[in-house]
Amino acid sequence: MTILESINTPIGSYAPDFELPGIDNQVHHLSRYLKKFRAVGVISMSNHCPYVALYLDRLKKIQAEFAKFSFTLIGMNGSAAIGHPIESFESMKVFAECHRLNFPYLWDPTQDVTRSFGACKTPMAFLIDNNGILRYKGQIDSHPQNPLGRGEDYLRKAIASLLKGHKIYPPETEAIGTSLIWRN
């Protein structure tokens, strides 16, 4: 087992800025998103994760619901592609097209940004305000197996609170999902 150093950005701290390639063949900068949007949600994703598959429709609905309020989601794949071709950049393009993602999907080939955020599972949500401060991290909701189930919609509630200028509670939840595939 490889032990990796993780910055694990705490709530209330500046989120790590990044420059990552997107499936649109453009370089995406967090700082540019923060100038354009009131809030940004970064979702640690991977192509192979069954939990990501459970959440894709919910993530697309969150994007559609909050886009009109100057919010955007950004999917970020930090899983190692070496030895796992399903996580390759080309496979990400196919995945995004097949699932008709309505938000950018970025690749973190070095895993540096993924480690800096403290992502450990897929999916894992990080909500950032337009000052670059991390305001929420953890689960998307408390009912991964049932999209219509009862429970807490943590990310949706956090976005709504942030956009209204209210305190986010809880600011952090335990991530559930599939462990990231780390490079050796």
C-alpha atoms as a PDB file:
ATOM      1  CA  MET A   1       0.000   0.000   0.000  1.00  0.00           C
ATOM      2  CA  THR A   2       1.371   3.401  -0.960  1.00  0.00           C
ATOM      3  CA  ILE A   3       1.118   6.200   1.600  1.00  0.00           C
ATOM      4  CA  LEU A   4       0.556   9.558  -0.028  1.00  0.00           C
ATOM      5  CA  GLU A   5       0.872  13.043   1.353  1.00  0.00           C
ATOM      6  CA  SER A   6      -2.363  14.954   1.142  1.00  0.00           C
ATOM      7  CA  ILE A   7      -2.862  18.617   1.924  1.00  0.00           C
ATOM      8  CA  ASN A   8      -6.539  17.994   2.672  1.00  0.00           C
ATOM      9  CA  THR A   9      -7.656  21.616   2.416  1.00  0.00           C
ATOM     10  CA  PRO A  10      -9.771  22.433   5.487  1.00  0.00           C
ATOM     11  CA  ILE A  11     -13.105  24.243   5.411  1.00  0.00           C
ATOM     12  CA  GLY A  12     -12.535  28.010   5.571  1.00  0.00           C
ATOM     13  CA  SER A  13      -9.171  27.818   3.749  1.00  0.00           C
ATOM     14  CA  TYR A  14      -8.335  28.794   0.198  1.00  0.00           C
ATOM     15  CA  ALA A  15      -9.042  26.041  -2.277  1.00  0.00           C
ATOM     16  CA  PRO A  16      -6.032  25.028  -4.373  1.00  0.00           C
ATOM     17  CA  ASP A  17      -5.970  26.904  -7.656  1.00  0.00           C
ATOM     18  CA  PHE A  18      -5.466  24.737 -10.699  1.00  0.00           C
ATOM     19  CA  GLU A  19      -4.798  24.672 -14.416  1.00  0.00           C
ATOM     20  CA  LEU A  20      -6.116  21.386 -15.794  1.00  0.00           C
ATOM     21  CA  PRO A  21      -6.947  20.106 -19.270  1.00  0.00           C
ATOM     22  CA  GLY A  22     -10.609  19.583 -20.025  1.00  0.00           C
ATOM     23  CA  ILE A  23     -12.270  17.165 -22.393  1.00  0.00           C
ATOM     24  CA  ASP A  24     -12.982  20.217 -24.579  1.00  0.00           C
ATOM     25  CA  ASN A  25      -9.191  20.415 -25.222  1.00  0.00           C
ATOM     26  CA  GLN A  26      -8.990  23.716 -23.305  1.00  0.00           C
ATOM     27  CA  VAL A  27      -6.997  24.478 -20.162  1.00  0.00           C
ATOM     28  CA  HIS A  28      -9.299  25.313 -17.244  1.00  0.00           C
ATOM     29  CA  HIS A  29      -8.226  27.617 -14.399  1.00  0.00           C
ATOM     30  CA  LEU A  30     -10.107  27.709 -11.114  1.00  0.00           C
ATOM     31  CA  SER A  31      -9.288  31.419 -10.764  1.00  0.00           C
ATOM     32  CA  ARG A  32     -11.126  32.168 -14.026  1.00  0.00           C
ATOM     33  CA  TYR A  33     -14.202  30.287 -12.840  1.00  0.00           C
ATOM     34  CA  LEU A  34     -14.144  32.226  -9.566  1.00  0.00           C
ATOM     35  CA  LYS A  35     -14.161  35.532 -11.481  1.00  0.00           C
ATOM     36  CA  LYS A  36     -17.130  34.396 -13.562  1.00  0.00           C
ATOM     37  CA  PHE A  37     -19.309  32.545 -11.002  1.00  0.00           C
ATOM     38  CA  ARG A  38     -20.562  33.219  -7.477  1.00  0.00           C
ATOM     39  CA  ALA A  39     -19.812  29.626  -6.489  1.00  0.00           C
ATOM     40  CA  VAL A  40     -18.060  26.595  -7.970  1.00  0.00           C
ATOM     41  CA  GLY A  41     -18.589  22.952  -7.075  1.00  0.00           C
ATOM     42  CA  VAL A  42     -15.703  20.610  -7.826  1.00  0.00           C
ATOM     43  CA  ILE A  43     -16.660  16.935  -7.913  1.00  0.00           C
ATOM     44  CA  SER A  44     -13.964  14.286  -7.661  1.00  0.00           C
ATOM     45  CA  MET A  45     -15.067  11.737 -10.278  1.00  0.00           C
ATOM     46  CA  SER A  46     -13.873   8.732 -12.208  1.00  0.00           C
ATOM     47  CA  ASN A  47     -15.195   6.819 -15.186  1.00  0.00           C
ATOM     48  CA  HIS A  48     -15.306   3.416 -13.482  1.00  0.00           C
ATOM     49  CA  CYS A  49     -16.916   4.311 -10.150  1.00  0.00           C
ATOM     50  CA  PRO A  50     -20.394   2.806  -9.594  1.00  0.00           C
ATOM     51  CA  TYR A  51     -21.160   5.604  -7.104  1.00  0.00           C
ATOM     52  CA  VAL A  52     -20.402   8.248  -9.742  1.00  0.00           C
ATOM     53  CA  ALA A  53     -22.817   6.397 -12.040  1.00  0.00           C
ATOM     54  CA  LEU A  54     -25.490   6.615  -9.326  1.00  0.00           C
ATOM     55  CA  TYR A  55     -24.976  10.371  -9.017  1.00  0.00           C
ATOM     56  CA  LEU A  56     -24.592  11.535 -12.626  1.00  0.00           C
ATOM     57  CA  ASP A  57     -28.254  12.441 -13.142  1.00  0.00           C
ATOM     58  CA  ARG A  58     -28.371  14.213  -9.774  1.00  0.00           C
ATOM     59  CA  LEU A  59     -25.226  16.175 -10.607  1.00  0.00           C
ATOM     60  CA  LYS A  60     -26.657  17.238 -13.968  1.00  0.00           C
ATOM     61  CA  LYS A  61     -29.853  18.357 -12.206  1.00  0.00           C
ATOM     62  CA  ILE A  62     -27.864  20.363  -9.645  1.00  0.00           C
ATOM     63  CA  GLN A  63     -25.967  22.050 -12.490  1.00  0.00           C
ATOM     64  CA  ALA A  64     -29.203  22.876 -14.346  1.00  0.00           C
ATOM     65  CA  GLU A  65     -30.944  24.091 -11.170  1.00  0.00           C
ATOM     66  CA  PHE A  66     -28.212  26.467  -9.984  1.00  0.00           C
ATOM     67  CA  ALA A  67     -26.612  27.630 -13.270  1.00  0.00           C
ATOM     68  CA  LYS A  68     -29.064  30.545 -13.469  1.00  0.00           C
ATOM     69  CA  PHE A  69     -27.738  31.750 -10.089  1.00  0.00           C
ATOM     70  CA  SER A  70     -24.137  32.014 -11.337  1.00  0.00           C
ATOM     71  CA  PHE A  71     -23.000  28.572 -10.184  1.00  0.00           C
ATOM     72  CA  THR A  72     -21.147  25.813 -12.006  1.00  0.00           C
ATOM     73  CA  LEU A  73     -20.044  22.290 -11.309  1.00  0.00           C
ATOM     74  CA  ILE A  74     -16.683  21.018 -12.501  1.00  0.00           C
ATOM     75  CA  GLY A  75     -15.959  17.295 -12.675  1.00  0.00           C
ATOM     76  CA  MET A  76     -12.331  16.380 -11.945  1.00  0.00           C
ATOM     77  CA  ASN A  77     -10.850  12.949 -12.655  1.00  0.00           C
ATOM     78  CA  GLY A  78      -7.763  12.364 -10.529  1.00  0.00           C
ATOM     79  CA  SER A  79      -7.668   8.565 -10.785  1.00  0.00           C
ATOM     80  CA  ALA A  80      -4.506   7.066 -12.225  1.00  0.00           C
ATOM     81  CA  ALA A  81      -4.833   6.082 -15.878  1.00  0.00           C
ATOM     82  CA  ILE A  82      -1.642   3.998 -16.028  1.00  0.00           C
ATOM     83  CA  GLY A  83      -2.803   0.402 -15.885  1.00  0.00           C
ATOM     84  CA  HIS A  84      -6.410   1.625 -15.871  1.00  0.00           C
ATOM     85  CA  PRO A  85      -7.246   2.632 -19.472  1.00  0.00           C
ATOM     86  CA  ILE A  86     -10.868   3.339 -18.531  1.00  0.00           C
ATOM     87  CA  GLU A  87      -9.546   6.444 -16.703  1.00  0.00           C
ATOM     88  CA  SER A  88      -7.573   7.794 -19.683  1.00  0.00           C
ATOM     89  CA  PHE A  89      -8.214  11.256 -21.096  1.00  0.00           C
ATOM     90  CA  GLU A  90      -9.714   9.757 -24.256  1.00  0.00           C
ATOM     91  CA  SER A  91     -12.009   7.537 -22.177  1.00  0.00           C
ATOM     92  CA  MET A  92     -13.111  10.626 -20.233  1.00  0.00           C
ATOM     93  CA  LYS A  93     -14.255  12.221 -23.504  1.00  0.00           C
ATOM     94  CA  VAL A  94     -16.285   9.136 -24.389  1.00  0.00           C
ATOM     95  CA  PHE A  95     -17.714   8.966 -20.851  1.00  0.00           C
ATOM     96  CA  ALA A  96     -18.803  12.631 -20.917  1.00  0.00           C
ATOM     97  CA  GLU A  97     -20.409  12.303 -24.344  1.00  0.00           C
ATOM     98  CA  CYS A  98     -22.161   9.044 -23.465  1.00  0.00           C
ATOM     99  CA  HIS A  99     -23.588  10.539 -20.251  1.00  0.00           C
ATOM    100  CA  ARG A 100     -24.215  13.979 -21.780  1.00  0.00           C
ATOM    101  CA  LEU A 101     -22.489  15.881 -19.000  1.00  0.00           C
ATOM    102  CA  ASN A 102     -23.665  19.496 -18.763  1.00  0.00           C
ATOM    103  CA  PHE A 103     -20.577  20.668 -16.881  1.00  0.00           C
ATOM    104  CA  PRO A 104     -16.818  20.676 -17.617  1.00  0.00           C
ATOM    105  CA  TYR A 105     -14.887  17.456 -17.012  1.00  0.00           C
ATOM    106  CA  LEU A 106     -11.205  17.980 -16.222  1.00  0.00           C
ATOM    107  CA  TRP A 107      -8.252  15.623 -15.984  1.00  0.00           C
ATOM    108  CA  ASP A 108      -5.681  15.737 -13.165  1.00  0.00           C
ATOM    109  CA  PRO A 109      -2.959  13.494 -14.650  1.00  0.00           C
ATOM    110  CA  THR A 110      -0.402  14.245 -11.903  1.00  0.00           C
ATOM    111  CA  GLN A 111      -2.979  13.869  -9.101  1.00  0.00           C
ATOM    112  CA  ASP A 112      -1.493  16.989  -7.462  1.00  0.00           C
ATOM    113  CA  VAL A 113      -4.775  18.924  -7.445  1.00  0.00           C
ATOM    114  CA  THR A 114      -6.705  15.890  -6.225  1.00  0.00           C
ATOM    115  CA  ARG A 115      -4.278  15.494  -3.311  1.00  0.00           C
ATOM    116  CA  SER A 116      -4.374  19.224  -2.564  1.00  0.00           C
ATOM    117  CA  PHE A 117      -8.146  19.191  -2.237  1.00  0.00           C
ATOM    118  CA  GLY A 118      -7.926  16.108  -0.027  1.00  0.00           C
ATOM    119  CA  ALA A 119     -10.125  13.997  -2.278  1.00  0.00           C
ATOM    120  CA  CYS A 120     -10.109  10.364  -1.227  1.00  0.00           C
ATOM    121  CA  LYS A 121     -13.268   8.962  -2.810  1.00  0.00           C
ATOM    122  CA  THR A 122     -15.347   9.316  -5.930  1.00  0.00           C
ATOM    123  CA  PRO A 123     -17.634  11.108  -5.944  1.00  0.00           C
ATOM    124  CA  MET A 124     -16.619  13.741  -3.409  1.00  0.00           C
ATOM    125  CA  ALA A 125     -17.906  17.310  -3.496  1.00  0.00           C
ATOM    126  CA  PHE A 126     -16.037  20.556  -2.782  1.00  0.00           C
ATOM    127  CA  LEU A 127     -17.967  23.851  -2.755  1.00  0.00           C
ATOM    128  CA  ILE A 128     -15.940  27.022  -3.235  1.00  0.00           C
ATOM    129  CA  ASP A 129     -17.149  30.614  -2.922  1.00  0.00           C
ATOM    130  CA  ASN A 130     -16.088  33.320  -5.386  1.00  0.00           C
ATOM    131  CA  ASN A 131     -13.274  34.394  -3.041  1.00  0.00           C
ATOM    132  CA  GLY A 132     -11.725  30.952  -3.426  1.00  0.00           C
ATOM    133  CA  ILE A 133     -12.667  29.755   0.082  1.00  0.00           C
ATOM    134  CA  LEU A 134     -13.699  26.131   0.552  1.00  0.00           C
ATOM    135  CA  ARG A 135     -17.144  26.196   2.213  1.00  0.00           C
ATOM    136  CA  TYR A 136     -18.295  22.567   2.024  1.00  0.00           C
ATOM    137  CA  LYS A 137     -16.765  19.159   1.346  1.00  0.00           C
ATOM    138  CA  GLY A 138     -17.985  15.610   1.455  1.00  0.00           C
ATOM    139  CA  GLN A 139     -21.066  13.732   0.283  1.00  0.00           C
ATOM    140  CA  ILE A 140     -23.415  14.904  -2.420  1.00  0.00           C
ATOM    141  CA  ASP A 141     -26.318  13.536  -0.395  1.00  0.00           C
ATOM    142  CA  SER A 142     -27.085  10.894   2.215  1.00  0.00           C
ATOM    143  CA  HIS A 143     -28.979   8.537  -0.082  1.00  0.00           C
ATOM    144  CA  PRO A 144     -26.614   7.285  -2.815  1.00  0.00           C
ATOM    145  CA  GLN A 145     -28.551   4.117  -3.585  1.00  0.00           C
ATOM    146  CA  ASN A 146     -31.884   5.872  -4.061  1.00  0.00           C
ATOM    147  CA  PRO A 147     -32.029   9.120  -6.045  1.00  0.00           C
ATOM    148  CA  LEU A 148     -35.623   9.692  -4.925  1.00  0.00           C
ATOM    149  CA  GLY A 149     -34.947   8.624  -1.359  1.00  0.00           C
ATOM    150  CA  ARG A 150     -35.396  10.589   1.786  1.00  0.00           C
ATOM    151  CA  GLY A 151     -32.351  12.041   3.444  1.00  0.00           C
ATOM    152  CA  GLU A 152     -30.062  15.025   3.392  1.00  0.00           C
ATOM    153  CA  ASP A 153     -29.170  16.701   0.100  1.00  0.00           C
ATOM    154  CA  TYR A 154     -25.915  18.076   1.475  1.00  0.00           C
ATOM    155  CA  LEU A 155     -24.456  19.643  -1.659  1.00  0.00           C
ATOM    156  CA  ARG A 156     -27.736  21.135  -2.916  1.00  0.00           C
ATOM    157  CA  LYS A 157     -28.423  22.606   0.544  1.00  0.00           C
ATOM    158  CA  ALA A 158     -24.850  23.967   0.814  1.00  0.00           C
ATOM    159  CA  ILE A 159     -25.073  25.654  -2.611  1.00  0.00           C
ATOM    160  CA  ALA A 160     -28.437  27.245  -1.755  1.00  0.00           C
ATOM    161  CA  SER A 161     -27.126  28.481   1.598  1.00  0.00           C
ATOM    162  CA  LEU A 162     -23.960  29.904   0.064  1.00  0.00           C
ATOM    163  CA  LEU A 163     -25.846  31.717  -2.689  1.00  0.00           C
ATOM    164  CA  LYS A 164     -28.206  33.227  -0.072  1.00  0.00           C
ATOM    165  CA  GLY A 165     -25.294  34.299   2.120  1.00  0.00           C
ATOM    166  CA  HIS A 166     -26.283  31.904   4.912  1.00  0.00           C
ATOM    167  CA  LYS A 167     -24.072  29.670   7.031  1.00  0.00           C
ATOM    168  CA  ILE A 168     -23.585  26.167   5.620  1.00  0.00           C
ATOM    169  CA  TYR A 169     -24.467  23.350   7.959  1.00  0.00           C
ATOM    170  CA  PRO A 170     -22.969  20.867   8.071  1.00  0.00           C
ATOM    171  CA  PRO A 171     -19.826  22.259   6.414  1.00  0.00           C
ATOM    172  CA  GLU A 172     -18.291  18.789   6.085  1.00  0.00           C
ATOM    173  CA  THR A 173     -19.537  15.220   5.787  1.00  0.00           C
ATOM    174  CA  GLU A 174     -17.745  11.902   5.516  1.00  0.00           C
ATOM    175  CA  ALA A 175     -17.210  11.005   1.857  1.00  0.00           C
ATOM    176  CA  ILE A 176     -18.659   7.718   0.665  1.00  0.00           C
ATOM    177  CA  GLY A 177     -17.892   6.028  -2.629  1.00  0.00           C
ATOM    178  CA  THR A 178     -15.021   4.302  -4.348  1.00  0.00           C
ATOM    179  CA  SER A 179     -11.421   4.938  -3.288  1.00  0.00           C
ATOM    180  CA  LEU A 180      -9.352   6.838  -5.792  1.00  0.00           C
ATOM    181  CA  ILE A 181      -6.810   4.920  -7.859  1.00  0.00           C
ATOM    182  CA  TRP A 182      -3.424   6.390  -6.904  1.00  0.00           C
ATOM    183  CA  ARG A 183      -0.252   6.263  -8.977  1.00  0.00           C
ATOM    184  CA  ASN A 184       2.642   4.352  -7.450  1.00  0.00           C
END
